[in-house]
Amino acid sequence: CFLGGYKAIDSFLFFGNIDMDFLGVDRKTKEIILADHDDVSFVMMKCAVDSNAFLNVLTFYAEFVIKSIQSSKPSVNFEDLYKMSGGDAYKNFIDYLFA
């Protein structure tokens, strides 16, 4: 879910949560990251190369969920999703999202 505002620390600007962990933007690289709720300086996984790639992945995921509800589970080309997110560095997040 998205926070009501931003939470800023030195390296990150947090804008949402997945469970208790924080979604944010790395201020230096502009990557979207997932940081641990107990230690926000610890990046659990990189989610996307930038905000545009992250929104593209979320849009695809939303369409996937809707299609899953309406009919049988649609197929997913994970290699295309990895590319959409920015490459193999973001593979863990894509795999987590579609697990």
N, C-alpha and C. Protein backbone atom coordinates (compact mmCIF):
# COMPACT_ATOMS: atom_id res chain seq x y z
N CYS A 1 0.84 -1.17 0.00
CA CYS A 1 0.00 0.00 0.00
C CYS A 1 0.89 1.24 0.00
N PHE A 2 0.31 2.35 -0.37
CA PHE A 2 1.07 3.59 -0.44
C PHE A 2 0.91 4.36 0.86
N LEU A 3 1.98 5.02 1.27
CA LEU A 3 1.95 5.83 2.48
C LEU A 3 1.15 7.10 2.21
N GLY A 4 0.68 7.75 3.26
CA GLY A 4 -0.05 9.01 3.10
C GLY A 4 0.85 10.15 2.66
N GLY A 5 2.13 9.98 2.80
CA GLY A 5 3.13 10.96 2.39
C GLY A 5 4.45 10.24 2.21
N TYR A 6 5.51 10.97 2.09
CA TYR A 6 6.82 10.38 1.93
C TYR A 6 7.52 10.30 3.28
N LYS A 7 8.36 9.29 3.42
CA LYS A 7 9.22 9.16 4.59
C LYS A 7 10.65 9.19 4.06
N ALA A 8 11.39 10.21 4.43
CA ALA A 8 12.73 10.39 3.90
C ALA A 8 13.79 10.03 4.93
N ILE A 9 14.78 9.28 4.48
CA ILE A 9 16.01 9.09 5.26
C ILE A 9 17.16 9.43 4.31
N ASP A 10 18.36 9.34 4.79
CA ASP A 10 19.52 9.79 4.00
C ASP A 10 19.54 9.26 2.58
N SER A 11 19.43 7.95 2.43
CA SER A 11 19.62 7.34 1.12
C SER A 11 18.33 7.09 0.35
N PHE A 12 17.19 7.06 1.04
CA PHE A 12 15.95 6.62 0.41
C PHE A 12 14.79 7.58 0.68
N LEU A 13 13.86 7.57 -0.24
CA LEU A 13 12.59 8.27 -0.09
C LEU A 13 11.51 7.20 -0.18
N PHE A 14 10.90 6.87 0.96
CA PHE A 14 9.92 5.79 1.01
C PHE A 14 8.53 6.31 0.66
N PHE A 15 7.79 5.50 -0.11
CA PHE A 15 6.45 5.91 -0.54
C PHE A 15 5.39 4.84 -0.31
N GLY A 16 5.77 3.66 0.14
CA GLY A 16 4.78 2.60 0.34
C GLY A 16 5.34 1.44 1.13
N ASN A 17 4.47 0.45 1.31
CA ASN A 17 4.83 -0.75 2.06
C ASN A 17 4.41 -1.99 1.29
N ILE A 18 5.18 -3.05 1.50
CA ILE A 18 4.76 -4.41 1.18
C ILE A 18 4.88 -5.13 2.51
N ASP A 19 3.74 -5.55 3.03
CA ASP A 19 3.66 -6.05 4.39
C ASP A 19 4.21 -4.96 5.31
N MET A 20 5.21 -5.25 6.10
CA MET A 20 5.77 -4.24 7.01
C MET A 20 7.00 -3.54 6.42
N ASP A 21 7.50 -4.03 5.30
CA ASP A 21 8.72 -3.48 4.70
C ASP A 21 8.40 -2.26 3.84
N PHE A 22 9.42 -1.45 3.56
CA PHE A 22 9.23 -0.16 2.90
C PHE A 22 9.65 -0.18 1.44
N LEU A 23 8.77 0.34 0.58
CA LEU A 23 9.09 0.59 -0.82
C LEU A 23 9.62 2.00 -0.93
N GLY A 24 10.68 2.17 -1.69
CA GLY A 24 11.22 3.51 -1.82
C GLY A 24 12.08 3.70 -3.04
N VAL A 25 12.53 4.93 -3.19
CA VAL A 25 13.42 5.31 -4.28
C VAL A 25 14.80 5.53 -3.68
N ASP A 26 15.79 4.89 -4.27
CA ASP A 26 17.17 5.15 -3.90
C ASP A 26 17.51 6.53 -4.47
N ARG A 27 17.84 7.46 -3.62
CA ARG A 27 18.08 8.85 -4.05
C ARG A 27 19.25 8.98 -5.02
N LYS A 28 20.21 8.10 -4.92
CA LYS A 28 21.40 8.19 -5.78
C LYS A 28 21.16 7.53 -7.14
N THR A 29 20.65 6.29 -7.14
CA THR A 29 20.51 5.53 -8.39
C THR A 29 19.14 5.69 -9.04
N LYS A 30 18.15 6.16 -8.28
CA LYS A 30 16.75 6.29 -8.72
C LYS A 30 16.05 4.94 -8.86
N GLU A 31 16.71 3.86 -8.40
CA GLU A 31 16.09 2.54 -8.42
C GLU A 31 14.97 2.47 -7.37
N ILE A 32 13.97 1.65 -7.66
CA ILE A 32 12.93 1.36 -6.68
C ILE A 32 13.41 0.14 -5.88
N ILE A 33 13.36 0.27 -4.55
CA ILE A 33 13.90 -0.78 -3.68
C ILE A 33 12.88 -1.17 -2.62
N LEU A 34 13.10 -2.32 -2.00
CA LEU A 34 12.32 -2.77 -0.86
C LEU A 34 13.29 -2.87 0.31
N ALA A 35 13.05 -2.05 1.36
CA ALA A 35 13.93 -2.00 2.52
C ALA A 35 13.29 -2.70 3.70
N ASP A 36 14.12 -3.29 4.52
CA ASP A 36 13.67 -4.01 5.70
C ASP A 36 13.05 -3.06 6.72
N HIS A 37 11.94 -3.46 7.33
CA HIS A 37 11.27 -2.59 8.30
C HIS A 37 12.07 -2.41 9.59
N ASP A 38 12.90 -3.37 9.94
CA ASP A 38 13.70 -3.25 11.16
C ASP A 38 14.98 -2.45 10.94
N ASP A 39 15.48 -2.47 9.72
CA ASP A 39 16.71 -1.75 9.37
C ASP A 39 16.53 -1.15 7.99
N VAL A 40 15.98 0.06 7.93
CA VAL A 40 15.62 0.66 6.64
C VAL A 40 16.82 0.95 5.75
N SER A 41 18.02 0.85 6.28
CA SER A 41 19.20 1.01 5.44
C SER A 41 19.55 -0.27 4.69
N PHE A 42 18.90 -1.40 5.08
CA PHE A 42 19.15 -2.69 4.43
C PHE A 42 18.17 -2.90 3.28
N VAL A 43 18.70 -2.99 2.07
CA VAL A 43 17.89 -3.23 0.87
C VAL A 43 17.69 -4.73 0.73
N MET A 44 16.44 -5.16 0.90
CA MET A 44 16.11 -6.58 0.79
C MET A 44 16.12 -7.02 -0.66
N MET A 45 15.60 -6.17 -1.54
CA MET A 45 15.65 -6.47 -2.96
C MET A 45 15.44 -5.20 -3.76
N LYS A 46 16.01 -5.20 -4.95
CA LYS A 46 15.79 -4.13 -5.90
C LYS A 46 14.57 -4.49 -6.72
N CYS A 47 13.65 -3.52 -6.91
CA CYS A 47 12.37 -3.81 -7.56
C CYS A 47 12.34 -3.41 -9.03
N ALA A 48 12.94 -2.28 -9.37
CA ALA A 48 12.93 -1.81 -10.76
C ALA A 48 14.01 -0.75 -10.94
N VAL A 49 14.43 -0.58 -12.17
CA VAL A 49 15.52 0.34 -12.49
C VAL A 49 15.13 1.79 -12.21
N ASP A 50 13.85 2.13 -12.33
CA ASP A 50 13.37 3.48 -12.06
C ASP A 50 11.86 3.46 -11.88
N SER A 51 11.28 4.62 -11.63
CA SER A 51 9.83 4.69 -11.36
C SER A 51 9.00 4.31 -12.57
N ASN A 52 9.45 4.65 -13.78
CA ASN A 52 8.70 4.27 -14.98
C ASN A 52 8.63 2.76 -15.13
N ALA A 53 9.76 2.10 -14.95
CA ALA A 53 9.78 0.63 -15.05
C ALA A 53 8.92 0.01 -13.97
N PHE A 54 8.96 0.57 -12.76
CA PHE A 54 8.15 0.05 -11.66
C PHE A 54 6.66 0.17 -11.97
N LEU A 55 6.24 1.31 -12.49
CA LEU A 55 4.83 1.48 -12.84
C LEU A 55 4.41 0.57 -13.98
N ASN A 56 5.30 0.32 -14.93
CA ASN A 56 5.00 -0.62 -16.02
C ASN A 56 4.79 -2.03 -15.47
N VAL A 57 5.64 -2.43 -14.54
CA VAL A 57 5.50 -3.75 -13.92
C VAL A 57 4.19 -3.83 -13.14
N LEU A 58 3.87 -2.80 -12.37
CA LEU A 58 2.63 -2.80 -11.60
C LEU A 58 1.40 -2.82 -12.50
N THR A 59 1.46 -2.11 -13.62
CA THR A 59 0.35 -2.13 -14.58
C THR A 59 0.16 -3.53 -15.14
N PHE A 60 1.26 -4.18 -15.52
CA PHE A 60 1.17 -5.56 -16.02
C PHE A 60 0.62 -6.47 -14.95
N TYR A 61 1.08 -6.29 -13.71
CA TYR A 61 0.61 -7.13 -12.60
C TYR A 61 -0.88 -6.94 -12.36
N ALA A 62 -1.36 -5.71 -12.40
CA ALA A 62 -2.79 -5.44 -12.22
C ALA A 62 -3.61 -6.13 -13.30
N GLU A 63 -3.16 -6.05 -14.54
CA GLU A 63 -3.85 -6.73 -15.64
C GLU A 63 -3.83 -8.24 -15.43
N PHE A 64 -2.71 -8.77 -14.96
CA PHE A 64 -2.57 -10.19 -14.67
C PHE A 64 -3.59 -10.63 -13.62
N VAL A 65 -3.72 -9.86 -12.55
CA VAL A 65 -4.65 -10.18 -11.47
C VAL A 65 -6.10 -10.15 -11.98
N ILE A 66 -6.44 -9.14 -12.75
CA ILE A 66 -7.80 -9.04 -13.30
C ILE A 66 -8.11 -10.22 -14.21
N LYS A 67 -7.18 -10.56 -15.08
CA LYS A 67 -7.38 -11.71 -15.98
C LYS A 67 -7.50 -13.01 -15.18
N SER A 68 -6.73 -13.10 -14.09
CA SER A 68 -6.79 -14.30 -13.24
C SER A 68 -8.15 -14.45 -12.58
N ILE A 69 -8.74 -13.35 -12.21
CA ILE A 69 -10.06 -13.37 -11.58
C ILE A 69 -11.13 -13.71 -12.61
N GLN A 70 -11.00 -13.17 -13.80
CA GLN A 70 -12.01 -13.35 -14.84
C GLN A 70 -11.98 -14.72 -15.50
N SER A 71 -10.83 -15.32 -15.55
CA SER A 71 -10.71 -16.62 -16.23
C SER A 71 -9.56 -17.40 -15.60
N SER A 72 -9.07 -18.35 -16.34
CA SER A 72 -7.94 -19.13 -15.83
C SER A 72 -6.69 -18.27 -15.77
N LYS A 73 -5.70 -18.76 -15.08
CA LYS A 73 -4.46 -18.01 -14.88
C LYS A 73 -3.77 -17.75 -16.23
N PRO A 74 -3.56 -16.47 -16.54
CA PRO A 74 -2.90 -16.14 -17.81
C PRO A 74 -1.41 -16.50 -17.78
N SER A 75 -0.84 -16.66 -18.95
CA SER A 75 0.59 -16.98 -19.02
C SER A 75 1.41 -15.70 -18.82
N VAL A 76 2.60 -15.89 -18.31
CA VAL A 76 3.51 -14.77 -18.06
C VAL A 76 4.86 -15.11 -18.68
N ASN A 77 5.38 -14.19 -19.47
CA ASN A 77 6.72 -14.34 -20.01
C ASN A 77 7.67 -13.61 -19.06
N PHE A 78 8.30 -14.37 -18.19
CA PHE A 78 9.13 -13.76 -17.16
C PHE A 78 10.35 -13.04 -17.74
N GLU A 79 10.90 -13.54 -18.82
CA GLU A 79 12.05 -12.87 -19.43
C GLU A 79 11.67 -11.45 -19.87
N ASP A 80 10.47 -11.30 -20.43
CA ASP A 80 10.00 -9.97 -20.82
C ASP A 80 9.79 -9.08 -19.59
N LEU A 81 9.27 -9.67 -18.52
CA LEU A 81 9.08 -8.89 -17.29
C LEU A 81 10.40 -8.46 -16.68
N TYR A 82 11.40 -9.33 -16.71
CA TYR A 82 12.72 -8.95 -16.21
C TYR A 82 13.26 -7.76 -17.00
N LYS A 83 13.10 -7.81 -18.31
CA LYS A 83 13.54 -6.69 -19.15
C LYS A 83 12.74 -5.44 -18.84
N MET A 84 11.43 -5.59 -18.66
CA MET A 84 10.55 -4.45 -18.36
C MET A 84 10.98 -3.75 -17.06
N SER A 85 11.42 -4.54 -16.09
CA SER A 85 11.81 -3.98 -14.80
C SER A 85 13.21 -3.36 -14.84
N GLY A 86 13.99 -3.71 -15.84
CA GLY A 86 15.33 -3.15 -15.96
C GLY A 86 16.43 -4.17 -16.07
N GLY A 87 16.09 -5.46 -16.02
CA GLY A 87 17.11 -6.50 -16.18
C GLY A 87 17.14 -7.49 -15.03
N ASP A 88 18.13 -8.34 -15.07
CA ASP A 88 18.24 -9.44 -14.10
C ASP A 88 18.43 -8.98 -12.66
N ALA A 89 18.89 -7.75 -12.45
CA ALA A 89 19.08 -7.25 -11.08
C ALA A 89 17.76 -7.16 -10.33
N TYR A 90 16.64 -7.17 -11.06
CA TYR A 90 15.31 -6.99 -10.46
C TYR A 90 14.48 -8.27 -10.52
N LYS A 91 15.13 -9.36 -10.91
CA LYS A 91 14.47 -10.66 -11.07
C LYS A 91 13.80 -11.13 -9.78
N ASN A 92 14.45 -10.97 -8.64
CA ASN A 92 13.88 -11.46 -7.38
C ASN A 92 12.54 -10.80 -7.07
N PHE A 93 12.43 -9.51 -7.35
CA PHE A 93 11.16 -8.82 -7.09
C PHE A 93 10.06 -9.33 -8.01
N ILE A 94 10.36 -9.51 -9.28
CA ILE A 94 9.37 -10.02 -10.24
C ILE A 94 8.92 -11.42 -9.80
N ASP A 95 9.87 -12.27 -9.45
CA ASP A 95 9.53 -13.62 -9.01
C ASP A 95 8.67 -13.58 -7.75
N TYR A 96 9.00 -12.69 -6.81
CA TYR A 96 8.23 -12.52 -5.57
C TYR A 96 6.81 -12.05 -5.88
N LEU A 97 6.69 -11.06 -6.76
CA LEU A 97 5.40 -10.48 -7.09
C LEU A 97 4.45 -11.50 -7.72
N PHE A 98 4.98 -12.34 -8.59
CA PHE A 98 4.14 -13.28 -9.33
C PHE A 98 4.11 -14.68 -8.72
N ALA A 99 4.67 -14.84 -7.52
CA ALA A 99 4.69 -16.16 -6.86
C ALA A 99 3.30 -16.56 -6.40
